Amino acid sequence: MPDVPHADRQPFEPILTAIDAKAAEVRQQCQALAVPVDVVGIVTKSGITLSHEPYPDDGISGMLYRPFGAQPVIGINAFHKLERRRFSIAHALGHFFLHHDRELFMDGQAVHNYRDVPAASGTWKQEQEANEFALALLIPEPEVIERFMPLIDGKPRLLDEQIVTRLAAEFEVTESAMMARLVNLALVVSL
């Protein structure tokens, strides 16, 4: 179980990164300010085609195809649950807004032509950045803090798994994504 929220952060000091700032800018420009964040609306307002594809296995989560001179496309595995699809869309948007050096980004454990094992585990810098962008886009810092602090009464204590479950449901993300974001924001310490 995760450890204690940081007591030394009163009043709370934001730890915005450049990626957090870019995600906030995208939300602002696309007027996607409510929680849960409307990632489909962001895709549409960014001029990207969204395609839900029935990839036959779990190996492909999504992809971003950005052909020169043509409309970009995000393809998402239609067989995945809503929360996973939302993260895959946000991850592809991370590549779209942060990485302009490649035409094709494929995300999934089985895509060995484009990514190897370290990439699939999130160790490549661009994959880590796309993951960080996805978390920042789907779980904006001010909104998660606004909802998190009252749940812990503003006091350090062990984090209750019910809090993570509740917040994940509110933001329409997986519990693992919510926990990653809480750790990323130093609201909790990972084990």
Protein backbone atom coordinates (compact mmCIF):
# COMPACT_ATOMS: atom_id res chain seq x y z
CA MET A 1 0.00 0.00 0.00
CA PRO A 2 1.34 3.49 -0.80
CA ASP A 3 2.87 5.56 1.93
CA VAL A 4 2.07 8.98 3.29
CA PRO A 5 1.06 12.15 1.44
CA HIS A 6 3.66 14.89 1.77
CA ALA A 7 2.97 16.93 4.89
CA ASP A 8 5.61 19.53 4.02
CA ARG A 9 3.58 20.83 1.08
CA GLN A 10 1.31 23.20 3.01
CA PRO A 11 0.24 25.33 1.32
CA PHE A 12 0.47 23.05 -1.68
CA GLU A 13 3.19 24.02 -4.12
CA PRO A 14 2.56 22.94 -7.72
CA ILE A 15 5.27 20.91 -9.42
CA LEU A 16 4.27 21.64 -13.00
CA THR A 17 6.63 20.35 -15.64
CA ALA A 18 6.88 21.51 -19.24
CA ILE A 19 4.75 18.50 -20.18
CA ASP A 20 2.11 19.42 -17.58
CA ALA A 21 2.10 22.94 -19.01
CA LYS A 22 1.67 21.63 -22.57
CA ALA A 23 -1.22 19.38 -21.50
CA ALA A 24 -2.87 22.34 -19.71
CA GLU A 25 -2.38 24.50 -22.81
CA VAL A 26 -4.03 21.84 -25.01
CA ARG A 27 -6.97 21.52 -22.60
CA GLN A 28 -7.37 25.31 -22.56
CA GLN A 29 -7.15 25.70 -26.35
CA CYS A 30 -9.63 22.87 -26.92
CA GLN A 31 -11.92 24.05 -24.10
CA ALA A 32 -11.70 20.65 -22.42
CA LEU A 33 -11.66 21.93 -18.85
CA ALA A 34 -14.21 19.66 -17.19
CA VAL A 35 -13.46 16.34 -15.51
CA PRO A 36 -13.51 13.78 -16.97
CA VAL A 37 -11.50 15.45 -19.73
CA ASP A 38 -13.11 15.13 -23.17
CA VAL A 39 -10.20 13.53 -25.06
CA VAL A 40 -12.39 12.80 -28.09
CA GLY A 41 -13.24 16.50 -28.28
CA ILE A 42 -9.54 17.36 -28.09
CA VAL A 43 -8.84 14.95 -30.97
CA THR A 44 -11.60 16.51 -33.08
CA LYS A 45 -10.61 20.12 -32.30
CA SER A 46 -6.98 19.26 -33.13
CA GLY A 47 -7.94 18.16 -36.64
CA ILE A 48 -7.18 14.49 -36.03
CA THR A 49 -9.31 11.58 -37.23
CA LEU A 50 -10.12 9.06 -34.49
CA SER A 51 -10.64 5.45 -35.47
CA HIS A 52 -11.66 2.65 -33.11
CA GLU A 53 -10.21 -0.50 -34.65
CA PRO A 54 -10.94 -4.09 -33.61
CA TYR A 55 -7.30 -5.15 -33.26
CA PRO A 56 -7.55 -8.93 -32.88
CA ASP A 57 -5.22 -9.23 -29.91
CA ASP A 58 -4.33 -7.21 -26.87
CA GLY A 59 -0.88 -6.39 -28.26
CA ILE A 60 -1.86 -3.13 -29.92
CA SER A 61 -3.26 -0.35 -27.75
CA GLY A 62 -3.20 2.44 -30.28
CA MET A 63 -1.29 4.32 -32.88
CA LEU A 64 -0.71 7.78 -34.28
CA TYR A 65 -0.18 8.10 -38.01
CA ARG A 66 0.83 11.55 -39.15
CA PRO A 67 1.39 11.42 -42.93
CA PHE A 68 3.04 14.46 -44.47
CA GLY A 69 0.41 16.69 -46.05
CA ALA A 70 -2.57 14.64 -44.87
CA GLN A 71 -4.86 14.56 -41.84
CA PRO A 72 -3.37 12.68 -38.88
CA VAL A 73 -5.13 9.57 -37.56
CA ILE A 74 -5.27 8.06 -34.09
CA GLY A 75 -6.28 4.41 -34.11
CA ILE A 76 -7.41 2.84 -30.84
CA ASN A 77 -8.06 -0.80 -29.92
CA ALA A 78 -11.86 -1.03 -29.80
CA PHE A 79 -11.67 -4.14 -27.61
CA HIS A 80 -10.09 -2.29 -24.70
CA LYS A 81 -12.14 -0.92 -21.82
CA LEU A 82 -13.16 2.74 -21.83
CA GLU A 83 -10.49 3.86 -19.36
CA ARG A 84 -7.74 2.13 -21.32
CA ARG A 85 -8.98 3.62 -24.62
CA ARG A 86 -9.01 7.09 -23.05
CA PHE A 87 -5.42 6.66 -21.90
CA SER A 88 -4.35 5.38 -25.34
CA ILE A 89 -5.96 8.40 -27.00
CA ALA A 90 -4.25 10.77 -24.54
CA HIS A 91 -0.93 8.95 -25.06
CA ALA A 92 -1.25 9.33 -28.85
CA LEU A 93 -2.06 13.02 -28.33
CA GLY A 94 1.17 13.24 -26.32
CA HIS A 95 3.09 12.00 -29.34
CA PHE A 96 1.14 14.39 -31.58
CA PHE A 97 1.89 17.50 -29.51
CA LEU A 98 5.38 16.62 -28.27
CA HIS A 99 7.10 14.54 -30.94
CA HIS A 100 7.36 15.75 -34.50
CA ASP A 101 10.24 13.57 -35.67
CA ARG A 102 8.28 10.49 -36.73
CA GLU A 103 5.33 9.78 -38.96
CA LEU A 104 4.17 6.65 -37.12
CA PHE A 105 3.90 5.77 -33.43
CA MET A 106 2.60 2.31 -32.55
CA ASP A 107 1.81 1.51 -28.94
CA GLY A 108 1.43 -1.97 -27.61
CA GLN A 109 3.46 -4.84 -26.29
CA ALA A 110 3.35 -6.90 -29.48
CA VAL A 111 4.63 -4.27 -31.91
CA HIS A 112 8.26 -5.35 -32.26
CA ASN A 113 8.81 -3.80 -35.69
CA TYR A 114 8.58 -0.32 -34.23
CA ARG A 115 9.41 -0.85 -30.57
CA ASP A 116 11.45 -3.26 -28.54
CA VAL A 117 10.99 -4.50 -24.97
CA PRO A 118 12.39 -1.34 -23.30
CA ALA A 119 9.98 0.77 -25.35
CA ALA A 120 7.03 -1.44 -24.44
CA SER A 121 7.89 -1.02 -20.76
CA GLY A 122 7.95 2.76 -21.12
CA THR A 123 11.70 3.26 -20.86
CA TRP A 124 12.18 5.17 -24.08
CA LYS A 125 12.17 8.89 -23.51
CA GLN A 126 9.38 9.60 -26.01
CA GLU A 127 7.20 6.86 -24.53
CA GLN A 128 7.76 8.20 -21.03
CA GLU A 129 6.92 11.71 -22.21
CA ALA A 130 3.74 10.49 -23.96
CA ASN A 131 2.74 8.66 -20.77
CA GLU A 132 3.42 11.75 -18.67
CA PHE A 133 1.39 13.88 -21.10
CA ALA A 134 -1.50 11.40 -20.98
CA LEU A 135 -1.55 11.48 -17.18
CA ALA A 136 -1.35 15.29 -17.12
CA LEU A 137 -4.09 15.61 -19.74
CA LEU A 138 -6.51 13.14 -18.15
CA ILE A 139 -5.70 13.95 -14.52
CA PRO A 140 -4.90 17.68 -14.38
CA GLU A 141 -2.94 18.72 -11.30
CA PRO A 142 -5.32 21.39 -9.93
CA GLU A 143 -8.39 19.18 -10.32
CA VAL A 144 -6.87 16.09 -8.73
CA ILE A 145 -5.51 18.11 -5.80
CA GLU A 146 -8.90 19.77 -5.33
CA ARG A 147 -10.52 16.34 -5.04
CA PHE A 148 -7.69 14.51 -3.25
CA MET A 149 -6.94 16.82 -0.31
CA PRO A 150 -10.44 16.74 1.24
CA LEU A 151 -10.43 12.94 1.04
CA ILE A 152 -7.36 12.77 3.27
CA ASP A 153 -8.49 15.68 5.46
CA GLY A 154 -5.29 17.47 4.44
CA LYS A 155 -3.35 15.30 6.89
CA PRO A 156 -0.62 12.75 6.23
CA ARG A 157 -1.76 9.17 6.59
CA LEU A 158 -1.71 5.94 4.68
CA LEU A 159 -3.56 6.21 1.41
CA ASP A 160 -6.78 4.23 1.36
CA GLU A 161 -7.26 2.20 -1.82
CA GLN A 162 -10.87 3.42 -1.88
CA ILE A 163 -9.58 6.94 -2.49
CA VAL A 164 -7.70 5.79 -5.59
CA THR A 165 -10.75 3.87 -6.81
CA ARG A 166 -13.02 6.88 -6.27
CA LEU A 167 -10.69 9.32 -8.00
CA ALA A 168 -10.09 6.93 -10.90
CA ALA A 169 -13.85 6.68 -11.44
CA GLU A 170 -14.29 10.47 -11.35
CA PHE A 171 -11.52 11.02 -13.91
CA GLU A 172 -12.46 7.92 -16.00
CA VAL A 173 -8.97 6.44 -15.79
CA THR A 174 -7.62 3.15 -14.51
CA GLU A 175 -6.60 2.86 -10.87
CA SER A 176 -3.00 2.30 -11.96
CA ALA A 177 -3.08 5.56 -13.97
CA MET A 178 -4.50 7.43 -10.98
CA MET A 179 -1.87 5.99 -8.65
CA ALA A 180 0.88 6.90 -11.14
CA ARG A 181 -0.38 10.48 -11.27
CA LEU A 182 -0.62 10.79 -7.47
CA VAL A 183 2.97 9.53 -7.21
CA ASN A 184 4.03 11.80 -10.11
CA LEU A 185 2.63 14.80 -8.23
CA ALA A 186 4.32 13.66 -4.99
CA LEU A 187 0.95 13.43 -3.24
CA VAL A 188 1.80 9.88 -2.24
CA VAL A 189 5.01 7.90 -2.10
CA SER A 190 5.13 4.65 -4.01
CA LEU A 191 6.15 1.50 -2.19
